[in-house]
Amino acid sequence: MNRFYVDAETDGLYGRFLSVAALVTDGNGRELDRFYTALRIDCSDVRSEWLKRNVLPHLSHALSFVSTEEELLDRFWEFWMKHREESDCIANVPYPVETRLFTACVKKDVTAREFLGPFPLYDLCTLLATRGYGADPDVAALSGLGLTPHDAMDDVRMMAAVWEKLMESDRISE
């Protein structure tokens, strides 16, 4: 089974989607496909000061850009549908952001999409908690990759590295 890692950035936890990244790997952790799309936005259009400091500096790293949130959702859904049959879906603390992402995509056509969201949606944070890493583990440090938190593509790469380490053993050597 492949793994579909997803991370989205939003303007506040319940605000509009600004970027989405996904990384698809095979059972050995080898990258098969990736997606990283962001909205073209002006800093003055963003409400969250935290987002301005921590996320906006990284949006320029996206692989492609769109003009509307609708287009971002459509492109992501198309990528998800390409991989959903053969992939487990994994996010890090998926509520509320990634769960809202899939909900927003499904709501665009509930009749056709009602049963096409991820089931189950695995949570890296919960898995880490069950292995003794506490409620808010530092995924960036655990990954050992030296990547940037809050860059959505770096977030999915770190998530994939940690998930793969956890699947190999009970503990990650820190």
C-alpha atoms as a PDB file:
ATOM      1  CA  MET A   1       0.000   0.000   0.000  1.00  0.00           C
ATOM      2  CA  ASN A   2       1.274   3.488  -0.851  1.00  0.00           C
ATOM      3  CA  ARG A   3       1.231   6.365   1.612  1.00  0.00           C
ATOM      4  CA  PHE A   4      -0.354   9.731   0.847  1.00  0.00           C
ATOM      5  CA  TYR A   5       0.984  12.423   3.202  1.00  0.00           C
ATOM      6  CA  VAL A   6      -0.935  15.717   3.187  1.00  0.00           C
ATOM      7  CA  ASP A   7      -0.448  19.135   4.766  1.00  0.00           C
ATOM      8  CA  ALA A   8      -2.449  22.315   4.200  1.00  0.00           C
ATOM      9  CA  GLU A   9      -1.850  25.854   5.344  1.00  0.00           C
ATOM     10  CA  THR A  10      -4.776  28.158   6.082  1.00  0.00           C
ATOM     11  CA  ASP A  11      -5.374  31.747   7.124  1.00  0.00           C
ATOM     12  CA  GLY A  12      -6.097  30.829  10.741  1.00  0.00           C
ATOM     13  CA  LEU A  13      -7.278  27.340  11.655  1.00  0.00           C
ATOM     14  CA  TYR A  14     -10.693  27.927  10.085  1.00  0.00           C
ATOM     15  CA  GLY A  15      -9.753  30.410   7.351  1.00  0.00           C
ATOM     16  CA  ARG A  16      -9.315  29.960   3.638  1.00  0.00           C
ATOM     17  CA  PHE A  17      -6.829  27.467   2.261  1.00  0.00           C
ATOM     18  CA  LEU A  18      -3.572  29.056   1.119  1.00  0.00           C
ATOM     19  CA  SER A  19      -1.503  26.038   0.147  1.00  0.00           C
ATOM     20  CA  VAL A  20      -1.680  22.265   0.006  1.00  0.00           C
ATOM     21  CA  ALA A  21       1.177  19.806  -0.299  1.00  0.00           C
ATOM     22  CA  ALA A  22       0.996  16.049  -0.684  1.00  0.00           C
ATOM     23  CA  LEU A  23       3.659  13.416  -1.061  1.00  0.00           C
ATOM     24  CA  VAL A  24       2.953   9.887  -2.260  1.00  0.00           C
ATOM     25  CA  THR A  25       5.446   7.154  -1.361  1.00  0.00           C
ATOM     26  CA  ASP A  26       5.512   3.428  -1.875  1.00  0.00           C
ATOM     27  CA  GLY A  27       5.752   0.919   0.980  1.00  0.00           C
ATOM     28  CA  ASN A  28       9.529   1.400   1.072  1.00  0.00           C
ATOM     29  CA  GLY A  29       9.324   5.185   1.470  1.00  0.00           C
ATOM     30  CA  ARG A  30      10.365   5.912  -2.118  1.00  0.00           C
ATOM     31  CA  GLU A  31       8.698   9.033  -3.581  1.00  0.00           C
ATOM     32  CA  LEU A  32       6.199   8.278  -6.339  1.00  0.00           C
ATOM     33  CA  ASP A  33       4.479  11.636  -6.827  1.00  0.00           C
ATOM     34  CA  ARG A  34       4.079  15.052  -5.210  1.00  0.00           C
ATOM     35  CA  PHE A  35       1.762  18.026  -5.203  1.00  0.00           C
ATOM     36  CA  TYR A  36       2.400  21.534  -3.874  1.00  0.00           C
ATOM     37  CA  THR A  37       0.055  24.310  -4.955  1.00  0.00           C
ATOM     38  CA  ALA A  38      -0.488  27.701  -3.360  1.00  0.00           C
ATOM     39  CA  LEU A  39      -2.721  30.704  -3.820  1.00  0.00           C
ATOM     40  CA  ARG A  40      -1.234  33.832  -5.332  1.00  0.00           C
ATOM     41  CA  ILE A  41      -1.857  36.209  -2.454  1.00  0.00           C
ATOM     42  CA  ASP A  42      -0.794  39.563  -1.152  1.00  0.00           C
ATOM     43  CA  CYS A  43       0.348  39.753   2.469  1.00  0.00           C
ATOM     44  CA  SER A  44      -2.298  42.411   3.128  1.00  0.00           C
ATOM     45  CA  ASP A  45      -5.008  39.827   2.253  1.00  0.00           C
ATOM     46  CA  VAL A  46      -3.957  37.584   5.171  1.00  0.00           C
ATOM     47  CA  ARG A  47      -5.616  38.011   8.590  1.00  0.00           C
ATOM     48  CA  SER A  48      -3.392  35.817  10.757  1.00  0.00           C
ATOM     49  CA  GLU A  49      -0.220  37.465  12.036  1.00  0.00           C
ATOM     50  CA  TRP A  50       1.181  34.019  12.907  1.00  0.00           C
ATOM     51  CA  LEU A  51       0.670  32.923   9.309  1.00  0.00           C
ATOM     52  CA  LYS A  52       2.352  36.073   7.990  1.00  0.00           C
ATOM     53  CA  ARG A  53       5.449  35.296  10.085  1.00  0.00           C
ATOM     54  CA  ASN A  54       5.596  31.510   9.771  1.00  0.00           C
ATOM     55  CA  VAL A  55       3.980  30.453   6.489  1.00  0.00           C
ATOM     56  CA  LEU A  56       3.995  33.282   3.945  1.00  0.00           C
ATOM     57  CA  PRO A  57       7.791  33.306   3.595  1.00  0.00           C
ATOM     58  CA  HIS A  58       7.573  29.722   2.272  1.00  0.00           C
ATOM     59  CA  LEU A  59       4.648  29.947  -0.146  1.00  0.00           C
ATOM     60  CA  SER A  60       6.993  30.933  -2.966  1.00  0.00           C
ATOM     61  CA  HIS A  61       8.376  27.369  -2.845  1.00  0.00           C
ATOM     62  CA  ALA A  62       5.144  25.904  -4.238  1.00  0.00           C
ATOM     63  CA  LEU A  63       5.372  23.936  -7.483  1.00  0.00           C
ATOM     64  CA  SER A  64       2.361  25.736  -8.948  1.00  0.00           C
ATOM     65  CA  PHE A  65       0.099  28.679  -8.144  1.00  0.00           C
ATOM     66  CA  VAL A  66      -3.609  29.350  -8.551  1.00  0.00           C
ATOM     67  CA  SER A  67      -5.752  32.461  -8.295  1.00  0.00           C
ATOM     68  CA  THR A  68      -8.647  31.094  -6.216  1.00  0.00           C
ATOM     69  CA  GLU A  69      -9.284  28.761  -3.309  1.00  0.00           C
ATOM     70  CA  GLU A  70     -11.760  26.892  -5.538  1.00  0.00           C
ATOM     71  CA  GLU A  71      -9.021  26.120  -8.041  1.00  0.00           C
ATOM     72  CA  LEU A  72      -6.707  25.003  -5.221  1.00  0.00           C
ATOM     73  CA  LEU A  73      -9.370  22.586  -3.947  1.00  0.00           C
ATOM     74  CA  ASP A  74     -10.087  21.273  -7.452  1.00  0.00           C
ATOM     75  CA  ARG A  75      -6.426  20.594  -8.199  1.00  0.00           C
ATOM     76  CA  PHE A  76      -5.892  18.903  -4.854  1.00  0.00           C
ATOM     77  CA  TRP A  77      -8.985  16.713  -5.279  1.00  0.00           C
ATOM     78  CA  GLU A  78      -7.785  15.630  -8.709  1.00  0.00           C
ATOM     79  CA  PHE A  79      -4.414  14.639  -7.215  1.00  0.00           C
ATOM     80  CA  TRP A  80      -6.111  12.811  -4.324  1.00  0.00           C
ATOM     81  CA  MET A  81      -8.360  10.882  -6.702  1.00  0.00           C
ATOM     82  CA  LYS A  82      -5.338   9.815  -8.758  1.00  0.00           C
ATOM     83  CA  HIS A  83      -3.861   8.103  -5.668  1.00  0.00           C
ATOM     84  CA  ARG A  84      -6.692   7.319  -3.251  1.00  0.00           C
ATOM     85  CA  GLU A  85      -7.355   3.716  -4.325  1.00  0.00           C
ATOM     86  CA  GLU A  86      -3.844   2.522  -3.555  1.00  0.00           C
ATOM     87  CA  SER A  87      -2.896   4.858  -0.683  1.00  0.00           C
ATOM     88  CA  ASP A  88      -3.300   5.210   3.052  1.00  0.00           C
ATOM     89  CA  CYS A  89      -3.770   8.903   3.913  1.00  0.00           C
ATOM     90  CA  ILE A  90      -1.649  10.413   6.685  1.00  0.00           C
ATOM     91  CA  ALA A  91      -1.607  13.901   8.198  1.00  0.00           C
ATOM     92  CA  ASN A  92      -0.052  15.394  11.313  1.00  0.00           C
ATOM     93  CA  VAL A  93      -2.790  16.664  13.646  1.00  0.00           C
ATOM     94  CA  PRO A  94      -5.414  16.570  10.852  1.00  0.00           C
ATOM     95  CA  TYR A  95      -8.113  18.379  12.818  1.00  0.00           C
ATOM     96  CA  PRO A  96      -9.138  20.988  11.955  1.00  0.00           C
ATOM     97  CA  VAL A  97      -7.132  21.869   8.830  1.00  0.00           C
ATOM     98  CA  GLU A  98      -6.741  18.684   6.766  1.00  0.00           C
ATOM     99  CA  THR A  99     -10.154  17.351   7.793  1.00  0.00           C
ATOM    100  CA  ARG A 100     -11.645  20.652   6.596  1.00  0.00           C
ATOM    101  CA  LEU A 101      -9.657  20.314   3.365  1.00  0.00           C
ATOM    102  CA  PHE A 102     -11.237  16.971   2.527  1.00  0.00           C
ATOM    103  CA  THR A 103     -14.651  18.139   3.729  1.00  0.00           C
ATOM    104  CA  ALA A 104     -14.474  21.229   1.495  1.00  0.00           C
ATOM    105  CA  CYS A 105     -13.540  19.047  -1.484  1.00  0.00           C
ATOM    106  CA  VAL A 106     -16.366  16.586  -0.831  1.00  0.00           C
ATOM    107  CA  LYS A 107     -18.923  19.372  -0.327  1.00  0.00           C
ATOM    108  CA  LYS A 108     -18.216  20.621  -3.861  1.00  0.00           C
ATOM    109  CA  ASP A 109     -20.154  17.553  -5.118  1.00  0.00           C
ATOM    110  CA  VAL A 110     -21.511  15.514  -2.217  1.00  0.00           C
ATOM    111  CA  THR A 111     -23.486  13.144  -4.438  1.00  0.00           C
ATOM    112  CA  ALA A 112     -20.415  12.036  -6.375  1.00  0.00           C
ATOM    113  CA  ARG A 113     -17.793  12.413  -3.629  1.00  0.00           C
ATOM    114  CA  GLU A 114     -19.550  11.380  -0.418  1.00  0.00           C
ATOM    115  CA  PHE A 115     -17.552   8.170   0.045  1.00  0.00           C
ATOM    116  CA  LEU A 116     -14.297   9.238  -1.651  1.00  0.00           C
ATOM    117  CA  GLY A 117     -12.539  11.027   1.188  1.00  0.00           C
ATOM    118  CA  PRO A 118      -9.809   9.253   3.127  1.00  0.00           C
ATOM    119  CA  PHE A 119     -10.905   6.448   5.395  1.00  0.00           C
ATOM    120  CA  PRO A 120      -9.228   6.192   7.704  1.00  0.00           C
ATOM    121  CA  LEU A 121      -7.260   9.425   7.915  1.00  0.00           C
ATOM    122  CA  TYR A 122      -4.221   8.423   9.953  1.00  0.00           C
ATOM    123  CA  ASP A 123      -2.721  10.923  12.407  1.00  0.00           C
ATOM    124  CA  LEU A 124       1.042  10.977  12.912  1.00  0.00           C
ATOM    125  CA  CYS A 125       0.726  12.919  16.183  1.00  0.00           C
ATOM    126  CA  THR A 126      -1.541  10.282  17.719  1.00  0.00           C
ATOM    127  CA  LEU A 127       0.832   7.526  16.654  1.00  0.00           C
ATOM    128  CA  LEU A 128       3.745   9.412  18.211  1.00  0.00           C
ATOM    129  CA  ALA A 129       1.759   9.897  21.441  1.00  0.00           C
ATOM    130  CA  THR A 130       1.091   6.144  21.649  1.00  0.00           C
ATOM    131  CA  ARG A 131       4.846   5.582  21.347  1.00  0.00           C
ATOM    132  CA  GLY A 132       5.611   7.907  24.261  1.00  0.00           C
ATOM    133  CA  TYR A 133       6.487  11.161  22.491  1.00  0.00           C
ATOM    134  CA  GLY A 134       3.865  13.269  24.260  1.00  0.00           C
ATOM    135  CA  ALA A 135       1.006  15.395  22.983  1.00  0.00           C
ATOM    136  CA  ASP A 136       3.000  17.832  20.827  1.00  0.00           C
ATOM    137  CA  PRO A 137       6.147  16.142  19.507  1.00  0.00           C
ATOM    138  CA  ASP A 138       8.692  18.089  17.454  1.00  0.00           C
ATOM    139  CA  VAL A 139       8.290  16.364  14.082  1.00  0.00           C
ATOM    140  CA  ALA A 140      10.983  18.545  12.517  1.00  0.00           C
ATOM    141  CA  ALA A 141      13.554  17.383  15.078  1.00  0.00           C
ATOM    142  CA  LEU A 142      12.389  13.759  14.956  1.00  0.00           C
ATOM    143  CA  SER A 143      12.677  13.676  11.168  1.00  0.00           C
ATOM    144  CA  GLY A 144      16.366  14.571  11.276  1.00  0.00           C
ATOM    145  CA  LEU A 145      16.042  16.192   7.860  1.00  0.00           C
ATOM    146  CA  GLY A 146      16.821  19.798   8.826  1.00  0.00           C
ATOM    147  CA  LEU A 147      13.800  21.089   6.893  1.00  0.00           C
ATOM    148  CA  THR A 148      11.589  24.116   7.571  1.00  0.00           C
ATOM    149  CA  PRO A 149       8.367  23.704   9.579  1.00  0.00           C
ATOM    150  CA  HIS A 150       5.312  25.386   8.016  1.00  0.00           C
ATOM    151  CA  ASP A 151       6.565  25.012   4.461  1.00  0.00           C
ATOM    152  CA  ALA A 152       3.852  22.557   3.442  1.00  0.00           C
ATOM    153  CA  MET A 153       6.152  20.409   1.259  1.00  0.00           C
ATOM    154  CA  ASP A 154       8.813  20.283   3.978  1.00  0.00           C
ATOM    155  CA  ASP A 155       6.075  19.358   6.457  1.00  0.00           C
ATOM    156  CA  VAL A 156       4.984  16.348   4.386  1.00  0.00           C
ATOM    157  CA  ARG A 157       8.595  15.273   3.843  1.00  0.00           C
ATOM    158  CA  MET A 158       9.253  15.412   7.609  1.00  0.00           C
ATOM    159  CA  MET A 159       5.986  13.590   8.256  1.00  0.00           C
ATOM    160  CA  ALA A 160       6.974  10.837   5.804  1.00  0.00           C
ATOM    161  CA  ALA A 161      10.433  10.452   7.364  1.00  0.00           C
ATOM    162  CA  VAL A 162       9.009  10.122  10.877  1.00  0.00           C
ATOM    163  CA  TRP A 163       6.213   7.750   9.797  1.00  0.00           C
ATOM    164  CA  GLU A 164       8.734   5.507   8.016  1.00  0.00           C
ATOM    165  CA  LYS A 165      10.987   5.437  11.098  1.00  0.00           C
ATOM    166  CA  LEU A 166       8.012   4.528  13.286  1.00  0.00           C
ATOM    167  CA  MET A 167       6.998   1.728  10.957  1.00  0.00           C
ATOM    168  CA  GLU A 168      10.519   0.288  11.235  1.00  0.00           C
ATOM    169  CA  SER A 169      10.751   0.341  15.039  1.00  0.00           C
ATOM    170  CA  ASP A 170       9.004   1.285  18.257  1.00  0.00           C
ATOM    171  CA  ARG A 171      11.179   4.351  18.930  1.00  0.00           C
ATOM    172  CA  ILE A 172      13.044   6.961  16.922  1.00  0.00           C
ATOM    173  CA  SER A 173      16.596   7.537  18.056  1.00  0.00           C
ATOM    174  CA  GLU A 174      16.783  11.238  18.847  1.00  0.00           C
END
